[in-house]
Amino acid sequence: IAPSLDQLSDEMADQIIITKLNVDQNQATAQGLNVRNLPTLMIFKGGKLAATHLGAMSKQAITDWIKQSV
């Protein structure tokens, strides 16, 4: 899903910030966020977790999920 996230990061730059976490290099952060499956998508609002999705999605499904969650 990385290419879709990269495209959405450009397309929605004025609305959201998309970041990626390498869980192999940041195990403590992944554990702190309870990441147990990959991919795990999370939306944060005001510094708090607002939504989580486990598993791959199409670009359109990610877009719809973001719009529903923000």
PDB file of N, CA and C in Angstrom:
ATOM      1  N   ILE A   1       0.816  -1.216   0.000  1.00  0.00           N
ATOM      2  CA  ILE A   1       0.000   0.000   0.000  1.00  0.00           C
ATOM      3  C   ILE A   1       0.850   1.267   0.000  1.00  0.00           C
ATOM      4  N   ALA A   2       2.158   1.110   0.070  1.00  0.00           N
ATOM      5  CA  ALA A   2       3.047   2.277   0.127  1.00  0.00           C
ATOM      6  C   ALA A   2       2.851   3.237  -1.046  1.00  0.00           C
ATOM      7  N   PRO A   3       2.747   2.748  -2.292  1.00  0.00           N
ATOM      8  CA  PRO A   3       2.537   3.689  -3.395  1.00  0.00           C
ATOM      9  C   PRO A   3       1.234   4.495  -3.247  1.00  0.00           C
ATOM     10  N   SER A   4       0.182   3.845  -2.783  1.00  0.00           N
ATOM     11  CA  SER A   4      -1.083   4.550  -2.564  1.00  0.00           C
ATOM     12  C   SER A   4      -0.934   5.616  -1.482  1.00  0.00           C
ATOM     13  N   LEU A   5      -0.244   5.278  -0.399  1.00  0.00           N
ATOM     14  CA  LEU A   5      -0.036   6.251   0.673  1.00  0.00           C
ATOM     15  C   LEU A   5       0.802   7.430   0.193  1.00  0.00           C
ATOM     16  N   ASP A   6       1.807   7.156  -0.631  1.00  0.00           N
ATOM     17  CA  ASP A   6       2.632   8.240  -1.181  1.00  0.00           C
ATOM     18  C   ASP A   6       1.794   9.170  -2.050  1.00  0.00           C
ATOM     19  N   GLN A   7       0.930   8.596  -2.880  1.00  0.00           N
ATOM     20  CA  GLN A   7       0.064   9.413  -3.731  1.00  0.00           C
ATOM     21  C   GLN A   7      -0.910  10.236  -2.886  1.00  0.00           C
ATOM     22  N   LEU A   8      -1.510   9.609  -1.903  1.00  0.00           N
ATOM     23  CA  LEU A   8      -2.459  10.325  -1.042  1.00  0.00           C
ATOM     24  C   LEU A   8      -1.776  11.415  -0.238  1.00  0.00           C
ATOM     25  N   SER A   9      -0.542  11.182   0.151  1.00  0.00           N
ATOM     26  CA  SER A   9       0.210  12.193   0.885  1.00  0.00           C
ATOM     27  C   SER A   9       0.346  13.457   0.050  1.00  0.00           C
ATOM     28  N   ASP A  10       0.589  13.294  -1.242  1.00  0.00           N
ATOM     29  CA  ASP A  10       0.678  14.443  -2.148  1.00  0.00           C
ATOM     30  C   ASP A  10      -0.695  15.055  -2.405  1.00  0.00           C
ATOM     31  N   GLU A  11      -1.679  14.210  -2.684  1.00  0.00           N
ATOM     32  CA  GLU A  11      -3.014  14.686  -3.051  1.00  0.00           C
ATOM     33  C   GLU A  11      -3.746  15.370  -1.892  1.00  0.00           C
ATOM     34  N   MET A  12      -3.484  14.929  -0.671  1.00  0.00           N
ATOM     35  CA  MET A  12      -4.213  15.448   0.487  1.00  0.00           C
ATOM     36  C   MET A  12      -3.315  16.244   1.425  1.00  0.00           C
ATOM     37  N   ALA A  13      -2.214  16.758   0.893  1.00  0.00           N
ATOM     38  CA  ALA A  13      -1.209  17.439   1.722  1.00  0.00           C
ATOM     39  C   ALA A  13      -1.788  18.610   2.517  1.00  0.00           C
ATOM     40  N   ASP A  14      -2.818  19.248   2.002  1.00  0.00           N
ATOM     41  CA  ASP A  14      -3.405  20.380   2.713  1.00  0.00           C
ATOM     42  C   ASP A  14      -4.383  19.943   3.802  1.00  0.00           C
ATOM     43  N   GLN A  15      -4.673  18.635   3.891  1.00  0.00           N
ATOM     44  CA  GLN A  15      -5.650  18.133   4.852  1.00  0.00           C
ATOM     45  C   GLN A  15      -5.051  17.226   5.918  1.00  0.00           C
ATOM     46  N   ILE A  16      -4.055  16.427   5.519  1.00  0.00           N
ATOM     47  CA  ILE A  16      -3.494  15.429   6.432  1.00  0.00           C
ATOM     48  C   ILE A  16      -1.986  15.307   6.245  1.00  0.00           C
ATOM     49  N   ILE A  17      -1.356  14.673   7.208  1.00  0.00           N
ATOM     50  CA  ILE A  17       0.062  14.318   7.112  1.00  0.00           C
ATOM     51  C   ILE A  17       0.138  12.800   7.208  1.00  0.00           C
ATOM     52  N   ILE A  18       0.737  12.180   6.218  1.00  0.00           N
ATOM     53  CA  ILE A  18       0.903  10.722   6.227  1.00  0.00           C
ATOM     54  C   ILE A  18       2.363  10.420   6.530  1.00  0.00           C
ATOM     55  N   THR A  19       2.571   9.586   7.538  1.00  0.00           N
ATOM     56  CA  THR A  19       3.919   9.156   7.882  1.00  0.00           C
ATOM     57  C   THR A  19       3.944   7.630   7.937  1.00  0.00           C
ATOM     58  N   LYS A  20       5.130   7.080   7.818  1.00  0.00           N
ATOM     59  CA  LYS A  20       5.305   5.631   7.892  1.00  0.00           C
ATOM     60  C   LYS A  20       6.308   5.324   8.994  1.00  0.00           C
ATOM     61  N   LEU A  21       6.117   4.193   9.620  1.00  0.00           N
ATOM     62  CA  LEU A  21       7.010   3.756  10.684  1.00  0.00           C
ATOM     63  C   LEU A  21       7.601   2.410  10.300  1.00  0.00           C
ATOM     64  N   ASN A  22       8.922   2.319  10.297  1.00  0.00           N
ATOM     65  CA  ASN A  22       9.594   1.042  10.083  1.00  0.00           C
ATOM     66  C   ASN A  22       9.594   0.316  11.430  1.00  0.00           C
ATOM     67  N   VAL A  23       8.733  -0.692  11.552  1.00  0.00           N
ATOM     68  CA  VAL A  23       8.584  -1.358  12.846  1.00  0.00           C
ATOM     69  C   VAL A  23       9.815  -2.180  13.226  1.00  0.00           C
ATOM     70  N   ASP A  24      10.608  -2.598  12.243  1.00  0.00           N
ATOM     71  CA  ASP A  24      11.834  -3.328  12.561  1.00  0.00           C
ATOM     72  C   ASP A  24      12.854  -2.412  13.241  1.00  0.00           C
ATOM     73  N   GLN A  25      12.894  -1.153  12.827  1.00  0.00           N
ATOM     74  CA  GLN A  25      13.851  -0.200  13.390  1.00  0.00           C
ATOM     75  C   GLN A  25      13.277   0.571  14.579  1.00  0.00           C
ATOM     76  N   ASN A  26      11.973   0.482  14.794  1.00  0.00           N
ATOM     77  CA  ASN A  26      11.318   1.233  15.871  1.00  0.00           C
ATOM     78  C   ASN A  26      10.377   0.319  16.654  1.00  0.00           C
ATOM     79  N   GLN A  27      10.934  -0.756  17.173  1.00  0.00           N
ATOM     80  CA  GLN A  27      10.117  -1.764  17.849  1.00  0.00           C
ATOM     81  C   GLN A  27       9.409  -1.229  19.086  1.00  0.00           C
ATOM     82  N   ALA A  28      10.059  -0.381  19.840  1.00  0.00           N
ATOM     83  CA  ALA A  28       9.438   0.148  21.058  1.00  0.00           C
ATOM     84  C   ALA A  28       8.223   1.001  20.720  1.00  0.00           C
ATOM     85  N   THR A  29       8.323   1.814  19.680  1.00  0.00           N
ATOM     86  CA  THR A  29       7.192   2.640  19.266  1.00  0.00           C
ATOM     87  C   THR A  29       6.046   1.757  18.781  1.00  0.00           C
ATOM     88  N   ALA A  30       6.361   0.760  17.967  1.00  0.00           N
ATOM     89  CA  ALA A  30       5.337  -0.157  17.468  1.00  0.00           C
ATOM     90  C   ALA A  30       4.645  -0.883  18.618  1.00  0.00           C
ATOM     91  N   GLN A  31       5.411  -1.325  19.593  1.00  0.00           N
ATOM     92  CA  GLN A  31       4.822  -1.998  20.754  1.00  0.00           C
ATOM     93  C   GLN A  31       3.952  -1.040  21.555  1.00  0.00           C
ATOM     94  N   GLY A  32       4.405   0.191  21.702  1.00  0.00           N
ATOM     95  CA  GLY A  32       3.631   1.190  22.441  1.00  0.00           C
ATOM     96  C   GLY A  32       2.306   1.516  21.776  1.00  0.00           C
ATOM     97  N   LEU A  33       2.250   1.356  20.461  1.00  0.00           N
ATOM     98  CA  LEU A  33       1.017   1.600  19.709  1.00  0.00           C
ATOM     99  C   LEU A  33       0.225   0.311  19.480  1.00  0.00           C
ATOM    100  N   ASN A  34       0.687  -0.790  20.070  1.00  0.00           N
ATOM    101  CA  ASN A  34       0.049  -2.100  19.933  1.00  0.00           C
ATOM    102  C   ASN A  34      -0.054  -2.568  18.489  1.00  0.00           C
ATOM    103  N   VAL A  35       0.966  -2.282  17.699  1.00  0.00           N
ATOM    104  CA  VAL A  35       1.003  -2.764  16.316  1.00  0.00           C
ATOM    105  C   VAL A  35       1.418  -4.226  16.352  1.00  0.00           C
ATOM    106  N   ARG A  36       0.504  -5.083  15.902  1.00  0.00           N
ATOM    107  CA  ARG A  36       0.769  -6.523  15.917  1.00  0.00           C
ATOM    108  C   ARG A  36       0.659  -7.131  14.530  1.00  0.00           C
ATOM    109  N   ASN A  37      -0.002  -6.417  13.627  1.00  0.00           N
ATOM    110  CA  ASN A  37      -0.182  -6.893  12.261  1.00  0.00           C
ATOM    111  C   ASN A  37       0.259  -5.805  11.293  1.00  0.00           C
ATOM    112  N   LEU A  38       0.726  -6.240  10.128  1.00  0.00           N
ATOM    113  CA  LEU A  38       1.130  -5.283   9.097  1.00  0.00           C
ATOM    114  C   LEU A  38       0.335  -5.546   7.832  1.00  0.00           C
ATOM    115  N   PRO A  39      -0.112  -4.525   7.158  1.00  0.00           N
ATOM    116  CA  PRO A  39      -0.013  -3.129   7.564  1.00  0.00           C
ATOM    117  C   PRO A  39      -1.070  -2.768   8.605  1.00  0.00           C
ATOM    118  N   THR A  40      -0.722  -1.822   9.449  1.00  0.00           N
ATOM    119  CA  THR A  40      -1.652  -1.213  10.384  1.00  0.00           C
ATOM    120  C   THR A  40      -1.699   0.270  10.063  1.00  0.00           C
ATOM    121  N   LEU A  41      -2.887   0.763   9.789  1.00  0.00           N
ATOM    122  CA  LEU A  41      -3.074   2.189   9.510  1.00  0.00           C
ATOM    123  C   LEU A  41      -3.731   2.832  10.724  1.00  0.00           C
ATOM    124  N   MET A  42      -3.226   3.992  11.109  1.00  0.00           N
ATOM    125  CA  MET A  42      -3.771   4.710  12.259  1.00  0.00           C
ATOM    126  C   MET A  42      -3.983   6.165  11.902  1.00  0.00           C
ATOM    127  N   ILE A  43      -5.050   6.717  12.430  1.00  0.00           N
ATOM    128  CA  ILE A  43      -5.321   8.143  12.276  1.00  0.00           C
ATOM    129  C   ILE A  43      -5.284   8.765  13.665  1.00  0.00           C
ATOM    130  N   PHE A  44      -4.517   9.834  13.788  1.00  0.00           N
ATOM    131  CA  PHE A  44      -4.423  10.576  15.037  1.00  0.00           C
ATOM    132  C   PHE A  44      -5.039  11.955  14.845  1.00  0.00           C
ATOM    133  N   LYS A  45      -5.834  12.378  15.806  1.00  0.00           N
ATOM    134  CA  LYS A  45      -6.407  13.726  15.805  1.00  0.00           C
ATOM    135  C   LYS A  45      -6.077  14.348  17.155  1.00  0.00           C
ATOM    136  N   GLY A  46      -5.471  15.519  17.121  1.00  0.00           N
ATOM    137  CA  GLY A  46      -5.121  16.184  18.371  1.00  0.00           C
ATOM    138  C   GLY A  46      -4.177  15.361  19.226  1.00  0.00           C
ATOM    139  N   GLY A  47      -3.348  14.551  18.575  1.00  0.00           N
ATOM    140  CA  GLY A  47      -2.384  13.732  19.302  1.00  0.00           C
ATOM    141  C   GLY A  47      -2.954  12.448  19.885  1.00  0.00           C
ATOM    142  N   LYS A  48      -4.243  12.192  19.639  1.00  0.00           N
ATOM    143  CA  LYS A  48      -4.876  10.984  20.170  1.00  0.00           C
ATOM    144  C   LYS A  48      -5.316  10.081  19.027  1.00  0.00           C
ATOM    145  N   LEU A  49      -5.230   8.786  19.266  1.00  0.00           N
ATOM    146  CA  LEU A  49      -5.636   7.808  18.273  1.00  0.00           C
ATOM    147  C   LEU A  49      -7.133   7.925  18.018  1.00  0.00           C
ATOM    148  N   ALA A  50      -7.509   8.156  16.751  1.00  0.00           N
ATOM    149  CA  ALA A  50      -8.914   8.337  16.389  1.00  0.00           C
ATOM    150  C   ALA A  50      -9.470   7.139  15.621  1.00  0.00           C
ATOM    151  N   ALA A  51      -8.621   6.431  14.885  1.00  0.00           N
ATOM    152  CA  ALA A  51      -9.093   5.288  14.099  1.00  0.00           C
ATOM    153  C   ALA A  51      -7.924   4.376  13.760  1.00  0.00           C
ATOM    154  N   THR A  52      -8.223   3.094  13.645  1.00  0.00           N
ATOM    155  CA  THR A  52      -7.220   2.093  13.275  1.00  0.00           C
ATOM    156  C   THR A  52      -7.824   1.139  12.255  1.00  0.00           C
ATOM    157  N   HIS A  53      -7.010   0.744  11.294  1.00  0.00           N
ATOM    158  CA  HIS A  53      -7.427  -0.268  10.316  1.00  0.00           C
ATOM    159  C   HIS A  53      -6.278  -1.253  10.146  1.00  0.00           C
ATOM    160  N   LEU A  54      -6.602  -2.529  10.191  1.00  0.00           N
ATOM    161  CA  LEU A  54      -5.612  -3.585   9.990  1.00  0.00           C
ATOM    162  C   LEU A  54      -5.794  -4.191   8.607  1.00  0.00           C
ATOM    163  N   GLY A  55      -4.704  -4.349   7.892  1.00  0.00           N
ATOM    164  CA  GLY A  55      -4.741  -4.988   6.587  1.00  0.00           C
ATOM    165  C   GLY A  55      -4.672  -4.002   5.442  1.00  0.00           C
ATOM    166  N   ALA A  56      -4.377  -4.552   4.279  1.00  0.00           N
ATOM    167  CA  ALA A  56      -4.227  -3.738   3.076  1.00  0.00           C
ATOM    168  C   ALA A  56      -5.583  -3.260   2.571  1.00  0.00           C
ATOM    169  N   MET A  57      -5.556  -2.109   1.910  1.00  0.00           N
ATOM    170  CA  MET A  57      -6.754  -1.532   1.295  1.00  0.00           C
ATOM    171  C   MET A  57      -6.349  -0.890  -0.015  1.00  0.00           C
ATOM    172  N   SER A  58      -7.313  -0.724  -0.894  1.00  0.00           N
ATOM    173  CA  SER A  58      -7.068   0.001  -2.133  1.00  0.00           C
ATOM    174  C   SER A  58      -6.921   1.491  -1.814  1.00  0.00           C
ATOM    175  N   LYS A  59      -6.395   2.231  -2.762  1.00  0.00           N
ATOM    176  CA  LYS A  59      -6.238   3.675  -2.579  1.00  0.00           C
ATOM    177  C   LYS A  59      -7.585   4.322  -2.297  1.00  0.00           C
ATOM    178  N   GLN A  60      -8.623   3.926  -3.032  1.00  0.00           N
ATOM    179  CA  GLN A  60      -9.952   4.508  -2.824  1.00  0.00           C
ATOM    180  C   GLN A  60     -10.494   4.162  -1.440  1.00  0.00           C
ATOM    181  N   ALA A  61     -10.273   2.937  -0.988  1.00  0.00           N
ATOM    182  CA  ALA A  61     -10.732   2.530   0.335  1.00  0.00           C
ATOM    183  C   ALA A  61     -10.010   3.317   1.423  1.00  0.00           C
ATOM    184  N   ILE A  62      -8.716   3.553   1.245  1.00  0.00           N
ATOM    185  CA  ILE A  62      -7.960   4.361   2.216  1.00  0.00           C
ATOM    186  C   ILE A  62      -8.507   5.779   2.241  1.00  0.00           C
ATOM    187  N   THR A  63      -8.752   6.351   1.062  1.00  0.00           N
ATOM    188  CA  THR A  63      -9.296   7.707   0.971  1.00  0.00           C
ATOM    189  C   THR A  63     -10.635   7.787   1.692  1.00  0.00           C
ATOM    190  N   ASP A  64     -11.519   6.848   1.441  1.00  0.00           N
ATOM    191  CA  ASP A  64     -12.834   6.836   2.087  1.00  0.00           C
ATOM    192  C   ASP A  64     -12.700   6.704   3.596  1.00  0.00           C
ATOM    193  N   TRP A  65     -11.807   5.827   4.046  1.00  0.00           N
ATOM    194  CA  TRP A  65     -11.588   5.618   5.470  1.00  0.00           C
ATOM    195  C   TRP A  65     -11.068   6.893   6.137  1.00  0.00           C
ATOM    196  N   ILE A  66     -10.141   7.572   5.482  1.00  0.00           N
ATOM    197  CA  ILE A  66      -9.608   8.827   6.020  1.00  0.00           C
ATOM    198  C   ILE A  66     -10.724   9.858   6.142  1.00  0.00           C
ATOM    199  N   LYS A  67     -11.509  10.017   5.098  1.00  0.00           N
ATOM    200  CA  LYS A  67     -12.587  11.016   5.093  1.00  0.00           C
ATOM    201  C   LYS A  67     -13.629  10.722   6.159  1.00  0.00           C
ATOM    202  N   GLN A  68     -13.910   9.456   6.424  1.00  0.00           N
ATOM    203  CA  GLN A  68     -14.865   9.083   7.465  1.00  0.00           C
ATOM    204  C   GLN A  68     -14.309   9.332   8.863  1.00  0.00           C
ATOM    205  N   SER A  69     -12.991   9.269   8.987  1.00  0.00           N
ATOM    206  CA  SER A  69     -12.362   9.295  10.305  1.00  0.00           C
ATOM    207  C   SER A  69     -11.897  10.682  10.753  1.00  0.00           C
ATOM    208  N   VAL A  70     -11.758  11.620   9.831  1.00  0.00           N
ATOM    209  CA  VAL A  70     -11.269  12.945  10.231  1.00  0.00           C
ATOM    210  C   VAL A  70     -12.361  13.962  10.332  1.00  0.00           C
TER     211      VAL A  70
END
